[in-house]
Protein backbone atom coordinates (compact mmCIF):
# COMPACT_ATOMS: atom_id res chain seq x y z
CA MET A 1 0.00 0.00 0.00
CA VAL A 2 1.25 3.46 -0.87
CA LEU A 3 0.93 5.93 2.00
CA PHE A 4 0.82 9.53 0.84
CA ARG A 5 1.62 10.83 4.31
CA ARG A 6 4.84 8.78 4.49
CA LEU A 7 6.06 10.01 1.11
CA LEU A 8 5.07 13.59 1.96
CA GLY A 9 7.06 13.33 5.19
CA GLU A 10 10.11 12.06 3.31
CA VAL A 11 9.91 14.94 0.83
CA LEU A 12 9.49 17.53 3.59
CA ARG A 13 12.37 16.09 5.63
CA GLY A 14 14.59 16.06 2.55
CA ALA A 15 13.74 19.69 1.76
CA ARG A 16 14.41 20.77 5.35
CA MET A 17 17.73 18.96 5.51
CA GLN A 18 18.77 20.25 2.08
CA ARG A 19 18.27 23.77 3.45
CA GLY A 20 20.31 22.94 6.54
CA MET A 21 17.37 23.64 8.86
CA THR A 22 16.83 21.86 12.14
CA LEU A 23 13.38 20.82 13.32
CA ARG A 24 13.64 23.54 15.95
CA GLU A 25 14.35 26.23 13.33
CA LEU A 26 11.51 25.06 11.09
CA SER A 27 9.18 24.89 14.07
CA ALA A 28 9.95 28.48 15.06
CA GLU A 29 9.72 29.81 11.50
CA ALA A 30 6.49 27.97 10.64
CA ARG A 31 4.95 28.40 14.13
CA VAL A 32 4.17 24.70 14.32
CA SER A 33 5.16 22.48 17.23
CA LEU A 34 8.42 20.61 16.80
CA GLY A 35 6.80 17.32 17.80
CA TYR A 36 4.04 17.67 15.24
CA ILE A 37 6.51 18.41 12.43
CA SER A 38 8.51 15.38 13.50
CA GLU A 39 5.41 13.18 13.32
CA ILE A 40 4.59 14.54 9.85
CA GLU A 41 8.13 13.88 8.63
CA ARG A 42 7.92 10.29 9.94
CA GLY A 43 4.59 9.76 8.18
CA GLN A 44 2.67 9.34 11.41
CA LYS A 45 0.39 12.37 11.05
CA GLU A 46 -1.50 13.90 8.14
CA ALA A 47 -0.64 17.53 7.37
CA SER A 48 -3.53 19.90 6.72
CA SER A 49 -3.27 22.17 3.70
CA GLU A 50 -2.76 25.17 6.01
CA LEU A 51 0.03 23.46 7.92
CA LEU A 52 1.68 22.30 4.71
CA ALA A 53 1.53 25.83 3.31
CA SER A 54 3.12 27.16 6.51
CA LEU A 55 5.97 24.63 6.34
CA CYS A 56 6.61 25.38 2.67
CA GLN A 57 6.60 29.11 3.29
CA ALA A 58 9.05 28.70 6.18
CA MET A 59 11.40 26.80 3.87
CA ASP A 60 10.85 29.23 0.97
CA LEU A 61 9.63 26.30 -1.09
CA PRO A 62 6.69 26.39 -3.51
CA LEU A 63 3.89 24.05 -2.44
CA SER A 64 3.57 22.92 -6.06
CA ASP A 65 7.17 21.65 -5.99
CA VAL A 66 6.47 19.57 -2.88
CA LEU A 67 3.27 18.11 -4.30
CA ARG A 68 4.94 17.36 -7.64
CA GLU A 69 7.79 15.54 -5.91
CA VAL A 70 5.37 13.55 -3.75
CA ALA A 71 3.26 12.67 -6.80
CA ASP A 72 6.38 11.41 -8.59
CA ALA A 73 7.33 9.33 -5.54
CA VAL A 74 3.80 7.87 -5.37
CA ALA A 75 3.94 6.95 -9.06
CA LEU A 76 7.31 5.23 -8.65
CA GLU A 77 6.12 3.28 -5.63
CA GLU A 78 2.94 2.22 -7.42
CA VAL A 79 4.98 0.87 -10.31
CA ALA A 80 7.36 -0.91 -7.93
CA LEU A 81 4.42 -2.55 -6.17
CA GLY A 82 2.78 -3.51 -9.45
CA LEU A 83 -0.18 -1.23 -8.80
CA ALA A 84 0.36 0.78 -11.97
CA VAL A 85 1.88 0.36 -15.38
CA PRO A 86 4.69 2.78 -16.16
CA THR A 87 3.67 5.35 -18.71
CA ILE A 88 5.97 7.25 -20.95
CA LYS A 89 4.72 10.68 -21.83
CA PRO A 90 5.93 12.05 -25.14
CA ALA A 91 8.27 14.97 -24.78
CA PRO A 92 6.88 18.24 -26.10
CA ILE A 93 8.29 19.41 -29.40
CA THR A 94 10.41 22.44 -28.68
CA THR A 95 12.06 22.97 -32.04
CA PRO A 96 10.10 24.70 -34.77
CA ILE A 97 9.03 22.60 -37.70
CA ALA A 98 10.56 23.67 -41.02
CA THR A 99 8.17 24.99 -43.64
CA ALA A 100 8.58 25.34 -47.36
CA GLY A 101 11.23 27.91 -48.17
CA ASP A 102 13.09 27.51 -44.87
CA VAL A 103 16.75 26.59 -45.04
CA VAL A 104 17.18 23.55 -42.87
CA ALA A 105 20.79 22.69 -43.65
CA SER A 106 23.37 23.96 -46.03
CA ALA A 107 26.44 22.34 -47.52
CA ALA A 108 29.60 24.28 -48.00
């Protein structure tokens, strides 16, 4: 079973540690109890959207980045557990398509 709260906790802990913040510093900055943040990071408690926004703001981290990283971790775990089939999304075309009259290549 994939537990969102566990993966969210791992992402939040990783972000905090990457920033060199202690639980105490994050607790003071986010105005959330140290014990509660610890439980969230260990996947023992669910974080409300307000609490999650406060933690992200304290770490100067966009909420969308956290959710994207958690979603990627969920997808990987689902594939590993055989709960989902890996999908390959086509990469967007970023180069313009040549039209008649365009010089695509030249020989010297």
